Amino acid sequence: MTVDVVISGAGPNGLMLACELSLAGIRPIVLERLPEPSEEPKANGLLGQVVQLVDRRGLYER
């Protein structure tokens, strides 16, 4: 397996970064220390440039 970027953490930011890099033709790998998804919420809201990025991808509804 060949990767261009290693991302530490599969939370909302790490996964969004991985998706954006993939769309740009960069091959990321996401490393997560937890063996399964957490029961606790990781993102309680979206702020700043993240909102613009999500909207640009058509994933944000007002």
PDB file of N, CA and C in Angstrom:
ATOM      1  N   MET A   1       0.853  -1.173   0.000  1.00  0.00           N
ATOM      2  CA  MET A   1       0.000   0.000   0.000  1.00  0.00           C
ATOM      3  C   MET A   1       0.899   1.236   0.000  1.00  0.00           C
ATOM      4  N   THR A   2       0.593   2.169  -0.874  1.00  0.00           N
ATOM      5  CA  THR A   2       1.328   3.423  -0.940  1.00  0.00           C
ATOM      6  C   THR A   2       0.408   4.558  -0.515  1.00  0.00           C
ATOM      7  N   VAL A   3       0.884   5.374   0.418  1.00  0.00           N
ATOM      8  CA  VAL A   3       0.109   6.523   0.871  1.00  0.00           C
ATOM      9  C   VAL A   3       0.969   7.774   0.780  1.00  0.00           C
ATOM     10  N   ASP A   4       0.312   8.909   0.661  1.00  0.00           N
ATOM     11  CA  ASP A   4       1.009  10.194   0.592  1.00  0.00           C
ATOM     12  C   ASP A   4       0.986  10.927   1.925  1.00  0.00           C
ATOM     13  N   VAL A   5      -0.089  10.714   2.704  1.00  0.00           N
ATOM     14  CA  VAL A   5      -0.280  11.448   3.954  1.00  0.00           C
ATOM     15  C   VAL A   5      -0.837  10.502   5.006  1.00  0.00           C
ATOM     16  N   VAL A   6      -0.327  10.632   6.232  1.00  0.00           N
ATOM     17  CA  VAL A   6      -0.868   9.891   7.371  1.00  0.00           C
ATOM     18  C   VAL A   6      -1.646  10.880   8.221  1.00  0.00           C
ATOM     19  N   ILE A   7      -2.897  10.533   8.523  1.00  0.00           N
ATOM     20  CA  ILE A   7      -3.763  11.373   9.357  1.00  0.00           C
ATOM     21  C   ILE A   7      -3.981  10.646  10.674  1.00  0.00           C
ATOM     22  N   SER A   8      -3.714  11.330  11.760  1.00  0.00           N
ATOM     23  CA  SER A   8      -3.872  10.750  13.086  1.00  0.00           C
ATOM     24  C   SER A   8      -5.247  11.109  13.641  1.00  0.00           C
ATOM     25  N   GLY A   9      -6.112  10.120  13.781  1.00  0.00           N
ATOM     26  CA  GLY A   9      -7.432  10.340  14.359  1.00  0.00           C
ATOM     27  C   GLY A   9      -8.540  10.311  13.331  1.00  0.00           C
ATOM     28  N   ALA A  10      -9.549   9.490  13.604  1.00  0.00           N
ATOM     29  CA  ALA A  10     -10.682   9.345  12.698  1.00  0.00           C
ATOM     30  C   ALA A  10     -11.911  10.079  13.213  1.00  0.00           C
ATOM     31  N   GLY A  11     -11.677  11.234  13.825  1.00  0.00           N
ATOM     32  CA  GLY A  11     -12.792  12.078  14.239  1.00  0.00           C
ATOM     33  C   GLY A  11     -13.302  12.870  13.043  1.00  0.00           C
ATOM     34  N   PRO A  12     -14.212  13.790  13.286  1.00  0.00           N
ATOM     35  CA  PRO A  12     -14.787  14.568  12.182  1.00  0.00           C
ATOM     36  C   PRO A  12     -13.740  15.299  11.342  1.00  0.00           C
ATOM     37  N   ASN A  13     -12.759  15.910  11.995  1.00  0.00           N
ATOM     38  CA  ASN A  13     -11.743  16.659  11.245  1.00  0.00           C
ATOM     39  C   ASN A  13     -10.839  15.738  10.441  1.00  0.00           C
ATOM     40  N   GLY A  14     -10.390  14.652  11.041  1.00  0.00           N
ATOM     41  CA  GLY A  14      -9.522  13.720  10.339  1.00  0.00           C
ATOM     42  C   GLY A  14     -10.197  13.084   9.142  1.00  0.00           C
ATOM     43  N   LEU A  15     -11.455  12.711   9.302  1.00  0.00           N
ATOM     44  CA  LEU A  15     -12.176  12.085   8.194  1.00  0.00           C
ATOM     45  C   LEU A  15     -12.480  13.077   7.076  1.00  0.00           C
ATOM     46  N   MET A  16     -12.822  14.319   7.444  1.00  0.00           N
ATOM     47  CA  MET A  16     -13.077  15.336   6.422  1.00  0.00           C
ATOM     48  C   MET A  16     -11.795  15.644   5.662  1.00  0.00           C
ATOM     49  N   LEU A  17     -10.684  15.728   6.385  1.00  0.00           N
ATOM     50  CA  LEU A  17      -9.397  15.964   5.730  1.00  0.00           C
ATOM     51  C   LEU A  17      -9.066  14.827   4.767  1.00  0.00           C
ATOM     52  N   ALA A  18      -9.286  13.604   5.194  1.00  0.00           N
ATOM     53  CA  ALA A  18      -9.022  12.451   4.334  1.00  0.00           C
ATOM     54  C   ALA A  18      -9.873  12.510   3.064  1.00  0.00           C
ATOM     55  N   CYS A  19     -11.119  12.875   3.198  1.00  0.00           N
ATOM     56  CA  CYS A  19     -12.002  12.976   2.029  1.00  0.00           C
ATOM     57  C   CYS A  19     -11.529  14.065   1.071  1.00  0.00           C
ATOM     58  N   GLU A  20     -11.184  15.220   1.609  1.00  0.00           N
ATOM     59  CA  GLU A  20     -10.722  16.323   0.764  1.00  0.00           C
ATOM     60  C   GLU A  20      -9.426  15.961   0.049  1.00  0.00           C
ATOM     61  N   LEU A  21      -8.505  15.337   0.759  1.00  0.00           N
ATOM     62  CA  LEU A  21      -7.251  14.929   0.126  1.00  0.00           C
ATOM     63  C   LEU A  21      -7.499  13.914  -0.980  1.00  0.00           C
ATOM     64  N   SER A  22      -8.400  12.982  -0.736  1.00  0.00           N
ATOM     65  CA  SER A  22      -8.729  11.976  -1.749  1.00  0.00           C
ATOM     66  C   SER A  22      -9.296  12.620  -3.007  1.00  0.00           C
ATOM     67  N   LEU A  23     -10.163  13.605  -2.818  1.00  0.00           N
ATOM     68  CA  LEU A  23     -10.740  14.295  -3.971  1.00  0.00           C
ATOM     69  C   LEU A  23      -9.677  15.041  -4.771  1.00  0.00           C
ATOM     70  N   ALA A  24      -8.581  15.413  -4.098  1.00  0.00           N
ATOM     71  CA  ALA A  24      -7.486  16.118  -4.770  1.00  0.00           C
ATOM     72  C   ALA A  24      -6.455  15.156  -5.363  1.00  0.00           C
ATOM     73  N   GLY A  25      -6.720  13.853  -5.268  1.00  0.00           N
ATOM     74  CA  GLY A  25      -5.813  12.869  -5.834  1.00  0.00           C
ATOM     75  C   GLY A  25      -4.675  12.454  -4.918  1.00  0.00           C
ATOM     76  N   ILE A  26      -4.754  12.857  -3.661  1.00  0.00           N
ATOM     77  CA  ILE A  26      -3.732  12.500  -2.673  1.00  0.00           C
ATOM     78  C   ILE A  26      -4.226  11.288  -1.901  1.00  0.00           C
ATOM     79  N   ARG A  27      -3.350  10.333  -1.672  1.00  0.00           N
ATOM     80  CA  ARG A  27      -3.744   9.079  -1.017  1.00  0.00           C
ATOM     81  C   ARG A  27      -3.461   9.142   0.482  1.00  0.00           C
ATOM     82  N   PRO A  28      -4.504   9.393   1.301  1.00  0.00           N
ATOM     83  CA  PRO A  28      -4.301   9.442   2.747  1.00  0.00           C
ATOM     84  C   PRO A  28      -4.570   8.081   3.397  1.00  0.00           C
ATOM     85  N   ILE A  29      -4.030   7.923   4.589  1.00  0.00           N
ATOM     86  CA  ILE A  29      -4.420   6.807   5.447  1.00  0.00           C
ATOM     87  C   ILE A  29      -4.753   7.416   6.803  1.00  0.00           C
ATOM     88  N   VAL A  30      -5.850   6.971   7.398  1.00  0.00           N
ATOM     89  CA  VAL A  30      -6.289   7.480   8.692  1.00  0.00           C
ATOM     90  C   VAL A  30      -5.993   6.415   9.746  1.00  0.00           C
ATOM     91  N   LEU A  31      -5.254   6.805  10.771  1.00  0.00           N
ATOM     92  CA  LEU A  31      -4.949   5.905  11.877  1.00  0.00           C
ATOM     93  C   LEU A  31      -5.760   6.322  13.095  1.00  0.00           C
ATOM     94  N   GLU A  32      -6.428   5.361  13.710  1.00  0.00           N
ATOM     95  CA  GLU A  32      -7.261   5.616  14.886  1.00  0.00           C
ATOM     96  C   GLU A  32      -6.897   4.598  15.957  1.00  0.00           C
ATOM     97  N   ARG A  33      -6.689   5.065  17.173  1.00  0.00           N
ATOM     98  CA  ARG A  33      -6.295   4.141  18.248  1.00  0.00           C
ATOM     99  C   ARG A  33      -7.464   3.366  18.830  1.00  0.00           C
ATOM    100  N   LEU A  34      -8.676   3.891  18.699  1.00  0.00           N
ATOM    101  CA  LEU A  34      -9.842   3.186  19.239  1.00  0.00           C
ATOM    102  C   LEU A  34     -10.261   2.067  18.296  1.00  0.00           C
ATOM    103  N   PRO A  35     -10.600   0.898  18.819  1.00  0.00           N
ATOM    104  CA  PRO A  35     -10.962  -0.231  17.959  1.00  0.00           C
ATOM    105  C   PRO A  35     -12.356  -0.134  17.335  1.00  0.00           C
ATOM    106  N   GLU A  36     -13.209   0.742  17.856  1.00  0.00           N
ATOM    107  CA  GLU A  36     -14.566   0.893  17.313  1.00  0.00           C
ATOM    108  C   GLU A  36     -15.026   2.328  17.547  1.00  0.00           C
ATOM    109  N   PRO A  37     -16.104   2.754  16.870  1.00  0.00           N
ATOM    110  CA  PRO A  37     -16.595   4.121  17.065  1.00  0.00           C
ATOM    111  C   PRO A  37     -16.950   4.392  18.516  1.00  0.00           C
ATOM    112  N   SER A  38     -16.681   5.628  18.949  1.00  0.00           N
ATOM    113  CA  SER A  38     -16.972   6.046  20.317  1.00  0.00           C
ATOM    114  C   SER A  38     -18.466   6.272  20.506  1.00  0.00           C
ATOM    115  N   GLU A  39     -18.928   6.048  21.705  1.00  0.00           N
ATOM    116  CA  GLU A  39     -20.330   6.326  22.048  1.00  0.00           C
ATOM    117  C   GLU A  39     -20.548   7.820  22.308  1.00  0.00           C
ATOM    118  N   GLU A  40     -19.455   8.554  22.542  1.00  0.00           N
ATOM    119  CA  GLU A  40     -19.543   9.979  22.859  1.00  0.00           C
ATOM    120  C   GLU A  40     -19.472  10.814  21.583  1.00  0.00           C
ATOM    121  N   PRO A  41     -20.286  11.864  21.490  1.00  0.00           N
ATOM    122  CA  PRO A  41     -20.223  12.725  20.306  1.00  0.00           C
ATOM    123  C   PRO A  41     -18.876  13.438  20.242  1.00  0.00           C
ATOM    124  N   LYS A  42     -18.359  13.594  19.036  1.00  0.00           N
ATOM    125  CA  LYS A  42     -17.065  14.244  18.838  1.00  0.00           C
ATOM    126  C   LYS A  42     -17.200  15.668  18.311  1.00  0.00           C
ATOM    127  N   ALA A  43     -18.294  15.977  17.689  1.00  0.00           N
ATOM    128  CA  ALA A  43     -18.478  17.324  17.142  1.00  0.00           C
ATOM    129  C   ALA A  43     -19.902  17.777  17.457  1.00  0.00           C
ATOM    130  N   ASN A  44     -19.998  18.802  18.271  1.00  0.00           N
ATOM    131  CA  ASN A  44     -21.322  19.298  18.651  1.00  0.00           C
ATOM    132  C   ASN A  44     -21.777  20.468  17.789  1.00  0.00           C
ATOM    133  N   GLY A  45     -20.937  20.910  16.882  1.00  0.00           N
ATOM    134  CA  GLY A  45     -21.299  22.007  16.011  1.00  0.00           C
ATOM    135  C   GLY A  45     -20.208  22.267  14.998  1.00  0.00           C
ATOM    136  N   LEU A  46     -20.544  23.018  13.972  1.00  0.00           N
ATOM    137  CA  LEU A  46     -19.583  23.375  12.941  1.00  0.00           C
ATOM    138  C   LEU A  46     -19.371  24.878  12.974  1.00  0.00           C
ATOM    139  N   LEU A  47     -18.109  25.298  12.873  1.00  0.00           N
ATOM    140  CA  LEU A  47     -17.774  26.716  12.942  1.00  0.00           C
ATOM    141  C   LEU A  47     -16.827  27.108  11.822  1.00  0.00           C
ATOM    142  N   GLY A  48     -16.834  28.382  11.492  1.00  0.00           N
ATOM    143  CA  GLY A  48     -15.838  28.968  10.614  1.00  0.00           C
ATOM    144  C   GLY A  48     -15.730  28.351   9.236  1.00  0.00           C
ATOM    145  N   GLN A  49     -14.498  28.114   8.826  1.00  0.00           N
ATOM    146  CA  GLN A  49     -14.218  27.642   7.477  1.00  0.00           C
ATOM    147  C   GLN A  49     -14.739  26.237   7.228  1.00  0.00           C
ATOM    148  N   VAL A  50     -14.949  25.477   8.286  1.00  0.00           N
ATOM    149  CA  VAL A  50     -15.494  24.128   8.106  1.00  0.00           C
ATOM    150  C   VAL A  50     -16.884  24.207   7.491  1.00  0.00           C
ATOM    151  N   VAL A  51     -17.681  25.180   7.914  1.00  0.00           N
ATOM    152  CA  VAL A  51     -19.028  25.354   7.367  1.00  0.00           C
ATOM    153  C   VAL A  51     -18.950  25.642   5.878  1.00  0.00           C
ATOM    154  N   GLN A  52     -18.023  26.504   5.469  1.00  0.00           N
ATOM    155  CA  GLN A  52     -17.854  26.820   4.055  1.00  0.00           C
ATOM    156  C   GLN A  52     -17.432  25.585   3.259  1.00  0.00           C
ATOM    157  N   LEU A  53     -16.544  24.798   3.818  1.00  0.00           N
ATOM    158  CA  LEU A  53     -16.075  23.595   3.145  1.00  0.00           C
ATOM    159  C   LEU A  53     -17.204  22.581   2.970  1.00  0.00           C
ATOM    160  N   VAL A  54     -17.961  22.368   4.022  1.00  0.00           N
ATOM    161  CA  VAL A  54     -19.082  21.424   3.961  1.00  0.00           C
ATOM    162  C   VAL A  54     -20.126  21.913   2.954  1.00  0.00           C
ATOM    163  N   ASP A  55     -20.381  23.216   2.944  1.00  0.00           N
ATOM    164  CA  ASP A  55     -21.341  23.792   2.007  1.00  0.00           C
ATOM    165  C   ASP A  55     -20.843  23.640   0.566  1.00  0.00           C
ATOM    166  N   ARG A  56     -19.560  23.854   0.336  1.00  0.00           N
ATOM    167  CA  ARG A  56     -18.986  23.708  -1.003  1.00  0.00           C
ATOM    168  C   ARG A  56     -19.177  22.295  -1.540  1.00  0.00           C
ATOM    169  N   ARG A  57     -19.206  21.330  -0.667  1.00  0.00           N
ATOM    170  CA  ARG A  57     -19.400  19.931  -1.072  1.00  0.00           C
ATOM    171  C   ARG A  57     -20.875  19.551  -1.138  1.00  0.00           C
ATOM    172  N   GLY A  58     -21.777  20.502  -0.870  1.00  0.00           N
ATOM    173  CA  GLY A  58     -23.199  20.232  -0.961  1.00  0.00           C
ATOM    174  C   GLY A  58     -23.737  19.426   0.209  1.00  0.00           C
ATOM    175  N   LEU A  59     -23.037  19.490   1.336  1.00  0.00           N
ATOM    176  CA  LEU A  59     -23.433  18.690   2.508  1.00  0.00           C
ATOM    177  C   LEU A  59     -24.055  19.518   3.614  1.00  0.00           C
ATOM    178  N   TYR A  60     -24.194  20.801   3.402  1.00  0.00           N
ATOM    179  CA  TYR A  60     -24.702  21.703   4.452  1.00  0.00           C
ATOM    180  C   TYR A  60     -26.038  22.286   4.031  1.00  0.00           C
ATOM    181  N   GLU A  61     -27.022  22.106   4.872  1.00  0.00           N
ATOM    182  CA  GLU A  61     -28.341  22.702   4.616  1.00  0.00           C
ATOM    183  C   GLU A  61     -28.637  23.687   5.721  1.00  0.00           C
ATOM    184  N   ARG A  62     -29.108  24.837   5.347  1.00  0.00           N
ATOM    185  CA  ARG A  62     -29.435  25.864   6.359  1.00  0.00           C
ATOM    186  C   ARG A  62     -30.738  25.516   7.055  1.00  0.00           C
TER     187      ARG A  62
END
